[in-house]
Amino acid sequence: MVSIVTPMYNSAKFIETTIISVINQTYNNWELIIVDDCSTDKSIDIVRGFAEKDDRIKLLEQPNNQGAGVARNVGMDHAKGEFIAFLDADDYWDEKKIEIQVNSINKNQWAGSFSWYKNVNEDGNGATSFVVPSRLSFKRLRFNNYILTSSLMLKREVVKDVRFPLMRKRQDWIFFLEILKRTQYLYCVDELLVFYRKSSNSLSSNKLRLIKANFEVISNYFYDGNKLKGGLHFIIFLMYYFHNKLFLLRKTNQ
């Protein structure tokens, strides 16, 4: 079984597309755990409608709004599958995503895998696809977060007690780094399997907020708040970032 963990907050506009992309998977042995973080729109009603028709879909409701990282932790605590995958409430998958990743992980005896992805706007339109490195180590990931959370699938035995840190920004990057402390590599499935919806108010759409969040992670996670050492690391981070934009994260029109 693959346990899919989806944090949700006011996602009524997109959650139906997200759920349908899971229901349409060619691999059927899954459970979808949607953790609502105190939505005030109709998100919960939409999920309940699907859950009533498909018992593989489970809704958990948080008593307080605590952010996507905490919601993912709650989902992982309830997961029953041999594999754990993540899917944000505004993203959606290619129908062969689970099948391809499960087969690749089993065949190659990987600890986990991620994939290429396409940026789409709120209407689902977009022509930019990101081709990410074929293999990532802790050393490489510390200078750039290449992994899209909605593309990641991990063996449960690798995750164990690793959880997202209790912070609202860039907690995914730290989670990936902690996983790579426990396994040598994570590998990329060289196929476009995820559609990443970049909403107008997301962290990634605001470059200044994103730069600040990355600097805080580097200073606090790697150097215990030492801004000087963090600043030097951040300069290297920026060099990698712009190098990758030009050469490694190739933009294609797939």
Protein backbone atom coordinates (compact mmCIF):
# COMPACT_ATOMS: atom_id res chain seq x y z
CA MET A 1 0.00 0.00 0.00
CA VAL A 2 1.00 3.60 -0.69
CA SER A 3 -0.12 6.14 1.92
CA ILE A 4 -0.61 9.56 0.35
CA VAL A 5 -0.50 12.48 2.77
CA THR A 6 -2.24 15.73 1.77
CA PRO A 7 -2.31 18.83 3.99
CA MET A 8 -5.30 21.05 3.19
CA TYR A 9 -6.25 24.62 4.03
CA ASN A 10 -8.96 26.52 2.15
CA SER A 11 -8.37 24.45 -0.98
CA ALA A 12 -11.96 24.25 -2.25
CA LYS A 13 -10.93 25.59 -5.65
CA PHE A 14 -8.40 22.82 -6.31
CA ILE A 15 -8.93 19.82 -4.01
CA GLU A 16 -11.37 18.03 -6.34
CA THR A 17 -8.77 17.95 -9.14
CA THR A 18 -6.17 16.72 -6.65
CA ILE A 19 -8.36 13.87 -5.39
CA ILE A 20 -9.46 12.81 -8.88
CA SER A 21 -5.80 12.58 -9.95
CA VAL A 22 -5.33 10.00 -7.17
CA ILE A 23 -8.54 8.09 -7.94
CA ASN A 24 -7.44 7.84 -11.59
CA GLN A 25 -4.10 6.22 -10.75
CA THR A 26 -3.29 2.99 -12.58
CA TYR A 27 -1.99 1.67 -9.25
CA ASN A 28 -4.96 1.03 -6.98
CA ASN A 29 -3.50 -0.05 -3.64
CA TRP A 30 -3.39 3.32 -1.89
CA GLU A 31 -4.93 5.34 0.91
CA LEU A 32 -5.33 9.11 0.70
CA ILE A 33 -5.05 10.84 4.09
CA ILE A 34 -6.23 14.43 3.86
CA VAL A 35 -5.45 16.50 6.95
CA ASP A 36 -7.51 19.68 7.12
CA ASP A 37 -5.84 22.60 8.89
CA CYS A 38 -9.02 24.44 9.96
CA SER A 39 -10.36 25.41 6.55
CA THR A 40 -13.12 28.03 6.48
CA ASP A 41 -14.31 27.38 2.92
CA LYS A 42 -16.05 24.30 1.49
CA SER A 43 -12.91 22.13 1.34
CA ILE A 44 -14.11 19.72 4.04
CA ASP A 45 -17.52 19.23 2.40
CA ILE A 46 -15.85 18.36 -0.90
CA VAL A 47 -13.53 15.81 0.72
CA ARG A 48 -16.38 14.24 2.70
CA GLY A 49 -18.30 13.76 -0.52
CA PHE A 50 -15.42 11.73 -2.00
CA ALA A 51 -14.77 9.84 1.27
CA GLU A 52 -18.38 8.65 1.40
CA LYS A 53 -17.92 6.99 -2.00
CA ASP A 54 -14.37 5.64 -1.57
CA ASP A 55 -13.17 4.27 1.76
CA ARG A 56 -9.54 4.68 0.68
CA ILE A 57 -10.00 8.42 1.23
CA LYS A 58 -9.72 9.53 4.85
CA LEU A 59 -10.29 13.00 6.34
CA LEU A 60 -8.60 14.14 9.54
CA GLU A 61 -9.51 17.53 11.00
CA GLN A 62 -7.01 19.56 13.02
CA PRO A 63 -8.36 21.43 16.10
CA ASN A 64 -6.02 24.38 15.44
CA ASN A 65 -4.32 25.85 12.39
CA GLN A 66 -0.65 24.85 12.64
CA GLY A 67 0.64 24.81 9.08
CA ALA A 68 1.34 22.25 6.37
CA GLY A 69 4.31 20.66 8.14
CA VAL A 70 2.31 19.73 11.22
CA ALA A 71 -0.57 18.49 9.04
CA ARG A 72 1.84 16.23 7.13
CA ASN A 73 3.17 14.84 10.43
CA VAL A 74 -0.37 13.99 11.53
CA GLY A 75 -0.95 12.24 8.22
CA MET A 76 2.25 10.21 8.53
CA ASP A 77 1.31 9.19 12.08
CA HIS A 78 -1.90 7.65 10.67
CA ALA A 79 -0.31 6.10 7.56
CA LYS A 80 -0.53 2.33 7.14
CA GLY A 81 1.29 1.86 3.85
CA GLU A 82 4.68 0.40 3.02
CA PHE A 83 5.34 3.59 1.06
CA ILE A 84 4.60 7.21 1.98
CA ALA A 85 3.96 9.81 -0.70
CA PHE A 86 3.06 13.48 -0.45
CA LEU A 87 0.59 15.48 -2.52
CA ASP A 88 -0.27 19.08 -1.73
CA ALA A 89 -3.92 20.08 -1.98
CA ASP A 90 -3.44 22.31 -5.02
CA ASP A 91 -1.16 19.97 -7.02
CA TYR A 92 -2.12 16.92 -9.07
CA TRP A 93 -0.49 13.81 -10.57
CA ASP A 94 -0.08 12.03 -13.86
CA GLU A 95 -2.20 8.85 -13.75
CA LYS A 96 0.88 6.56 -13.79
CA LYS A 97 2.76 8.39 -11.03
CA ILE A 98 2.36 5.83 -8.24
CA GLU A 99 2.86 2.81 -10.52
CA ILE A 100 6.07 4.19 -12.00
CA GLN A 101 7.58 5.15 -8.65
CA VAL A 102 6.66 1.95 -6.82
CA ASN A 103 8.11 -0.15 -9.66
CA SER A 104 11.28 1.96 -9.81
CA ILE A 105 11.87 1.85 -6.05
CA ASN A 106 11.31 -1.90 -5.88
CA LYS A 107 13.34 -2.74 -8.98
CA ASN A 108 16.34 -0.60 -8.02
CA GLN A 109 16.04 -1.04 -4.25
CA TRP A 110 15.95 2.71 -3.72
CA ALA A 111 15.06 4.33 -0.41
CA GLY A 112 12.81 6.76 -2.26
CA SER A 113 12.32 8.73 -5.44
CA PHE A 114 11.12 12.06 -6.80
CA SER A 115 10.33 13.19 -10.34
CA TRP A 116 10.28 15.94 -12.91
CA TYR A 117 7.39 18.38 -12.61
CA LYS A 118 5.56 21.08 -14.51
CA ASN A 119 4.60 24.51 -13.20
CA VAL A 120 0.98 25.40 -13.93
CA ASN A 121 -1.06 28.43 -12.95
CA GLU A 122 -4.33 28.49 -11.01
CA ASP A 123 -6.21 27.55 -14.18
CA GLY A 124 -3.98 24.53 -14.82
CA ASN A 125 -2.13 26.11 -17.75
CA GLY A 126 1.64 26.17 -18.11
CA ALA A 127 4.44 25.24 -20.47
CA THR A 128 7.47 25.16 -18.18
CA SER A 129 8.74 21.78 -17.01
CA PHE A 130 11.64 21.21 -14.61
CA VAL A 131 14.12 18.40 -15.20
CA VAL A 132 15.86 17.83 -11.86
CA PRO A 133 19.09 15.91 -11.03
CA SER A 134 18.97 12.14 -11.34
CA ARG A 135 20.44 11.55 -7.87
CA LEU A 136 20.67 13.65 -4.72
CA SER A 137 22.83 13.33 -1.63
CA PHE A 138 22.78 15.35 1.59
CA LYS A 139 25.86 17.26 0.41
CA ARG A 140 24.19 18.32 -2.84
CA LEU A 141 20.79 19.10 -1.37
CA ARG A 142 22.28 21.42 1.27
CA PHE A 143 23.00 23.95 -1.48
CA ASN A 144 19.65 23.81 -3.25
CA ASN A 145 16.26 22.21 -2.62
CA TYR A 146 15.64 20.37 -5.87
CA ILE A 147 12.79 18.16 -4.63
CA LEU A 148 9.14 19.11 -5.08
CA THR A 149 7.24 17.71 -2.10
CA SER A 150 4.36 16.45 -4.26
CA SER A 151 6.80 14.34 -6.29
CA LEU A 152 8.37 12.48 -3.36
CA MET A 153 7.73 8.85 -2.43
CA LEU A 154 9.65 7.12 0.36
CA LYS A 155 9.85 3.66 1.83
CA ARG A 156 8.23 3.71 5.25
CA GLU A 157 11.29 2.02 6.76
CA VAL A 158 13.39 5.02 5.73
CA VAL A 159 11.02 7.60 7.18
CA LYS A 160 10.66 5.92 10.60
CA ASP A 161 10.47 8.75 13.15
CA VAL A 162 11.56 11.58 10.80
CA ARG A 163 8.96 14.35 10.80
CA PHE A 164 8.60 17.85 9.39
CA PRO A 165 9.94 20.53 11.76
CA LEU A 166 7.46 22.82 13.50
CA MET A 167 7.92 25.80 11.21
CA ARG A 168 5.68 27.20 8.50
CA LYS A 169 8.27 27.95 5.81
CA ARG A 170 10.76 25.61 4.11
CA GLN A 171 10.07 22.79 6.54
CA ASP A 172 10.03 20.48 3.52
CA TRP A 173 13.70 21.17 2.74
CA ILE A 174 14.77 20.28 6.28
CA PHE A 175 12.66 17.10 6.15
CA PHE A 176 14.41 16.01 2.94
CA LEU A 177 17.83 16.73 4.49
CA GLU A 178 16.95 14.65 7.56
CA ILE A 179 15.94 11.76 5.30
CA LEU A 180 19.28 12.03 3.48
CA LYS A 181 21.10 11.76 6.79
CA ARG A 182 19.65 8.26 7.00
CA THR A 183 20.15 7.08 3.44
CA GLN A 184 22.90 7.79 0.95
CA TYR A 185 20.80 8.94 -1.99
CA LEU A 186 17.32 9.74 -3.24
CA TYR A 187 16.77 9.13 -6.94
CA CYS A 188 14.79 10.83 -9.67
CA VAL A 189 12.35 9.06 -11.96
CA ASP A 190 13.11 10.76 -15.27
CA GLU A 191 9.51 11.43 -16.20
CA LEU A 192 7.13 14.35 -15.77
CA LEU A 193 4.67 13.04 -13.18
CA VAL A 194 3.53 16.07 -11.15
CA PHE A 195 1.71 19.29 -11.94
CA TYR A 196 2.74 21.97 -9.45
CA ARG A 197 0.18 24.72 -9.11
CA LYS A 198 1.89 28.01 -8.35
CA SER A 199 -0.80 30.20 -6.79
CA SER A 200 -0.40 33.96 -6.63
CA ASN A 201 -0.03 34.06 -2.82
CA SER A 202 2.31 31.08 -2.38
CA LEU A 203 5.75 31.39 -0.83
CA SER A 204 7.46 30.39 -4.08
CA SER A 205 5.65 33.15 -5.99
CA ASN A 206 7.12 35.82 -3.69
CA LYS A 207 10.86 35.93 -4.41
CA LEU A 208 11.78 38.19 -1.47
CA ARG A 209 9.95 35.98 1.07
CA LEU A 210 11.52 32.89 -0.49
CA ILE A 211 15.05 34.31 -0.25
CA LYS A 212 14.48 35.25 3.39
CA ALA A 213 13.08 31.81 4.24
CA ASN A 214 16.04 30.07 2.59
CA PHE A 215 18.52 32.24 4.49
CA GLU A 216 16.80 31.47 7.80
CA VAL A 217 16.92 27.73 7.13
CA ILE A 218 20.61 27.85 6.24
CA SER A 219 21.57 29.96 9.28
CA ASN A 220 19.46 28.07 11.80
CA TYR A 221 19.64 24.49 10.54
CA PHE A 222 23.30 24.31 9.55
CA TYR A 223 24.89 26.90 11.87
CA ASP A 224 22.66 27.21 14.97
CA GLY A 225 21.70 30.80 14.13
CA ASN A 226 25.19 32.03 13.22
CA LYS A 227 24.35 34.69 10.63
CA LEU A 228 27.96 35.11 9.43
CA LYS A 229 28.48 31.45 8.61
CA GLY A 230 24.94 31.29 7.30
CA GLY A 231 25.63 34.27 5.04
CA LEU A 232 28.70 32.63 3.52
CA HIS A 233 26.75 29.43 2.89
CA PHE A 234 23.90 31.48 1.43
CA ILE A 235 26.23 33.10 -1.11
CA ILE A 236 27.18 29.62 -2.32
CA PHE A 237 23.49 28.68 -2.28
CA LEU A 238 22.71 31.60 -4.61
CA MET A 239 25.57 30.64 -6.93
CA TYR A 240 24.16 27.11 -7.17
CA TYR A 241 20.65 28.48 -7.64
CA PHE A 242 21.53 30.66 -10.62
CA HIS A 243 23.82 28.00 -12.08
CA ASN A 244 21.00 25.49 -11.89
CA LYS A 245 18.56 27.92 -13.48
CA LEU A 246 20.92 28.23 -16.44
CA PHE A 247 22.24 24.69 -16.80
CA LEU A 248 20.89 21.96 -14.53
CA LEU A 249 17.17 22.64 -14.06
CA ARG A 250 16.52 22.72 -17.78
CA LYS A 251 13.22 24.18 -18.85
CA THR A 252 11.47 22.15 -21.51
CA ASN A 253 8.13 22.31 -23.27
CA GLN A 254 6.88 18.80 -22.52
